Amino acid sequence: MITRQKSNELKVYEYLRVRKPFSKQEKRKFVKLKRGYEGELLFDTFIEELPCDFLSLNDLWLTHHNKCFQIDNALLVNNIFYMYEVKNYPGVYYYEKDKLFLALY
């Protein structure tokens, strides 16, 4: 299996972090990028546990009407194509009546 790579943007933020103090906006962006990458790695571990044969494509870049977009993970299982946009938001979430909610304690 091919290991997921960090985005170039995340790598740049990691290099800069040890060279200069971040502004609040830069720190927020860095945390978001880092958390997103960690979430994608976690998602990859879930995919590896699938009990069937599959094809998994990470960070798939496509174009449509001259616009580029990225799919975090495209999965082909039993001739069905699934697309996943992975998020890694902090907190506890739950589904109820086909909606996602953040648990407030």
C-alpha atoms as a PDB file:
ATOM      1  CA  MET A   1       0.000   0.000   0.000  1.00  0.00           C
ATOM      2  CA  ILE A   2       1.261   3.480  -0.859  1.00  0.00           C
ATOM      3  CA  THR A   3       1.649   5.730   2.158  1.00  0.00           C
ATOM      4  CA  ARG A   4      -0.267   9.003   2.074  1.00  0.00           C
ATOM      5  CA  GLN A   5       2.006  12.029   1.687  1.00  0.00           C
ATOM      6  CA  LYS A   6       1.751  15.354   3.468  1.00  0.00           C
ATOM      7  CA  SER A   7       0.605  18.209   1.262  1.00  0.00           C
ATOM      8  CA  ASN A   8       3.238  20.693   0.161  1.00  0.00           C
ATOM      9  CA  GLU A   9       1.341  23.394   2.056  1.00  0.00           C
ATOM     10  CA  LEU A  10       1.551  21.423   5.313  1.00  0.00           C
ATOM     11  CA  LYS A  11       5.272  20.798   4.753  1.00  0.00           C
ATOM     12  CA  VAL A  12       5.893  24.525   4.268  1.00  0.00           C
ATOM     13  CA  TYR A  13       4.015  25.356   7.478  1.00  0.00           C
ATOM     14  CA  GLU A  14       6.050  22.734   9.364  1.00  0.00           C
ATOM     15  CA  TYR A  15       9.310  24.253   8.089  1.00  0.00           C
ATOM     16  CA  LEU A  16       8.197  27.783   8.919  1.00  0.00           C
ATOM     17  CA  ARG A  17       6.920  26.864  12.392  1.00  0.00           C
ATOM     18  CA  VAL A  18      10.452  26.321  13.712  1.00  0.00           C
ATOM     19  CA  ARG A  19      11.778  29.482  12.055  1.00  0.00           C
ATOM     20  CA  LYS A  20       9.279  32.162  13.026  1.00  0.00           C
ATOM     21  CA  PRO A  21       6.347  32.749  15.347  1.00  0.00           C
ATOM     22  CA  PHE A  22       2.989  32.273  13.636  1.00  0.00           C
ATOM     23  CA  SER A  23       0.259  34.871  13.612  1.00  0.00           C
ATOM     24  CA  LYS A  24      -3.135  33.680  14.898  1.00  0.00           C
ATOM     25  CA  GLN A  25      -4.301  33.164  11.314  1.00  0.00           C
ATOM     26  CA  GLU A  26      -1.173  31.176  10.376  1.00  0.00           C
ATOM     27  CA  LYS A  27      -1.471  29.036  13.508  1.00  0.00           C
ATOM     28  CA  ARG A  28      -5.153  28.294  12.749  1.00  0.00           C
ATOM     29  CA  LYS A  29      -4.260  27.308   9.182  1.00  0.00           C
ATOM     30  CA  PHE A  30      -1.382  25.086  10.361  1.00  0.00           C
ATOM     31  CA  VAL A  31      -3.563  23.331  12.953  1.00  0.00           C
ATOM     32  CA  LYS A  32      -6.298  22.792  10.347  1.00  0.00           C
ATOM     33  CA  LEU A  33      -3.845  21.305   7.830  1.00  0.00           C
ATOM     34  CA  LYS A  34      -2.180  19.093  10.444  1.00  0.00           C
ATOM     35  CA  ARG A  35      -5.492  17.877  11.860  1.00  0.00           C
ATOM     36  CA  GLY A  36      -6.780  17.162   8.349  1.00  0.00           C
ATOM     37  CA  TYR A  37      -3.706  15.100   7.482  1.00  0.00           C
ATOM     38  CA  GLU A  38      -3.982  13.153  10.747  1.00  0.00           C
ATOM     39  CA  GLY A  39      -7.659  12.466  10.012  1.00  0.00           C
ATOM     40  CA  GLU A  40      -6.793  11.180   6.545  1.00  0.00           C
ATOM     41  CA  LEU A  41      -4.160   8.839   8.036  1.00  0.00           C
ATOM     42  CA  LEU A  42      -6.741   7.531  10.503  1.00  0.00           C
ATOM     43  CA  PHE A  43      -9.250   7.035   7.684  1.00  0.00           C
ATOM     44  CA  ASP A  44      -6.599   5.041   5.797  1.00  0.00           C
ATOM     45  CA  THR A  45      -6.272   2.663   8.761  1.00  0.00           C
ATOM     46  CA  PHE A  46     -10.043   2.078   8.670  1.00  0.00           C
ATOM     47  CA  ILE A  47      -9.900   1.346   4.929  1.00  0.00           C
ATOM     48  CA  GLU A  48      -7.092  -1.186   5.428  1.00  0.00           C
ATOM     49  CA  GLU A  49      -9.405  -3.191   7.719  1.00  0.00           C
ATOM     50  CA  LEU A  50     -12.047  -3.763   5.027  1.00  0.00           C
ATOM     51  CA  PRO A  51     -12.770  -7.501   4.746  1.00  0.00           C
ATOM     52  CA  CYS A  52     -13.021  -7.417   0.942  1.00  0.00           C
ATOM     53  CA  ASP A  53     -10.929  -6.594  -2.115  1.00  0.00           C
ATOM     54  CA  PHE A  54     -10.876  -2.907  -3.024  1.00  0.00           C
ATOM     55  CA  LEU A  55      -8.995  -0.225  -4.891  1.00  0.00           C
ATOM     56  CA  SER A  56      -8.196   2.911  -2.913  1.00  0.00           C
ATOM     57  CA  LEU A  57      -6.970   6.176  -4.472  1.00  0.00           C
ATOM     58  CA  ASN A  58      -5.707   8.857  -2.095  1.00  0.00           C
ATOM     59  CA  ASP A  59      -5.620  12.570  -2.918  1.00  0.00           C
ATOM     60  CA  LEU A  60      -7.192  12.165  -6.323  1.00  0.00           C
ATOM     61  CA  TRP A  61      -7.027  15.421  -8.328  1.00  0.00           C
ATOM     62  CA  LEU A  62      -9.591  15.913 -11.099  1.00  0.00           C
ATOM     63  CA  THR A  63     -10.759  18.736 -13.330  1.00  0.00           C
ATOM     64  CA  HIS A  64     -14.257  19.640 -14.440  1.00  0.00           C
ATOM     65  CA  HIS A  65     -15.098  22.702 -16.550  1.00  0.00           C
ATOM     66  CA  ASN A  66     -11.501  23.935 -16.166  1.00  0.00           C
ATOM     67  CA  LYS A  67     -11.682  23.792 -12.368  1.00  0.00           C
ATOM     68  CA  CYS A  68      -9.479  21.500 -10.283  1.00  0.00           C
ATOM     69  CA  PHE A  69     -10.732  19.671  -7.223  1.00  0.00           C
ATOM     70  CA  GLN A  70      -9.367  17.028  -4.906  1.00  0.00           C
ATOM     71  CA  ILE A  71     -10.974  13.912  -3.441  1.00  0.00           C
ATOM     72  CA  ASP A  72      -9.368  12.741  -0.187  1.00  0.00           C
ATOM     73  CA  ASN A  73     -10.132   9.108  -0.905  1.00  0.00           C
ATOM     74  CA  ALA A  74     -11.820   7.333  -3.803  1.00  0.00           C
ATOM     75  CA  LEU A  75     -12.694   3.738  -3.091  1.00  0.00           C
ATOM     76  CA  LEU A  76     -13.819   1.091  -5.558  1.00  0.00           C
ATOM     77  CA  VAL A  77     -15.506  -1.878  -3.852  1.00  0.00           C
ATOM     78  CA  ASN A  78     -17.564  -4.510  -5.700  1.00  0.00           C
ATOM     79  CA  ASN A  79     -17.905  -2.238  -8.756  1.00  0.00           C
ATOM     80  CA  ILE A  80     -19.251   0.618  -6.625  1.00  0.00           C
ATOM     81  CA  PHE A  81     -17.323   3.907  -6.541  1.00  0.00           C
ATOM     82  CA  TYR A  82     -17.284   5.778  -3.217  1.00  0.00           C
ATOM     83  CA  MET A  83     -15.805   9.247  -2.694  1.00  0.00           C
ATOM     84  CA  TYR A  84     -14.778  10.490   0.733  1.00  0.00           C
ATOM     85  CA  GLU A  85     -13.976  13.974   1.940  1.00  0.00           C
ATOM     86  CA  VAL A  86     -12.330  13.422   5.310  1.00  0.00           C
ATOM     87  CA  LYS A  87     -12.761  15.928   8.140  1.00  0.00           C
ATOM     88  CA  ASN A  88     -11.122  15.740  11.545  1.00  0.00           C
ATOM     89  CA  TYR A  89     -13.006  18.173  13.727  1.00  0.00           C
ATOM     90  CA  PRO A  90     -12.537  18.000  17.500  1.00  0.00           C
ATOM     91  CA  GLY A  91     -15.481  16.999  19.664  1.00  0.00           C
ATOM     92  CA  VAL A  92     -18.036  14.228  19.947  1.00  0.00           C
ATOM     93  CA  TYR A  93     -20.532  13.898  17.103  1.00  0.00           C
ATOM     94  CA  TYR A  94     -23.612  11.753  16.616  1.00  0.00           C
ATOM     95  CA  TYR A  95     -26.204  11.044  13.910  1.00  0.00           C
ATOM     96  CA  GLU A  96     -29.896  11.445  14.516  1.00  0.00           C
ATOM     97  CA  LYS A  97     -32.616  11.402  11.872  1.00  0.00           C
ATOM     98  CA  ASP A  98     -30.030  11.551   9.059  1.00  0.00           C
ATOM     99  CA  LYS A  99     -28.324  14.641  10.498  1.00  0.00           C
ATOM    100  CA  LEU A 100     -24.940  15.101  12.160  1.00  0.00           C
ATOM    101  CA  PHE A 101     -24.833  16.876  15.520  1.00  0.00           C
ATOM    102  CA  LEU A 102     -22.087  18.036  17.875  1.00  0.00           C
ATOM    103  CA  ALA A 103     -22.688  16.739  21.399  1.00  0.00           C
ATOM    104  CA  LEU A 104     -22.737  19.555  23.939  1.00  0.00           C
ATOM    105  CA  TYR A 105     -21.943  18.451  27.474  1.00  0.00           C
END
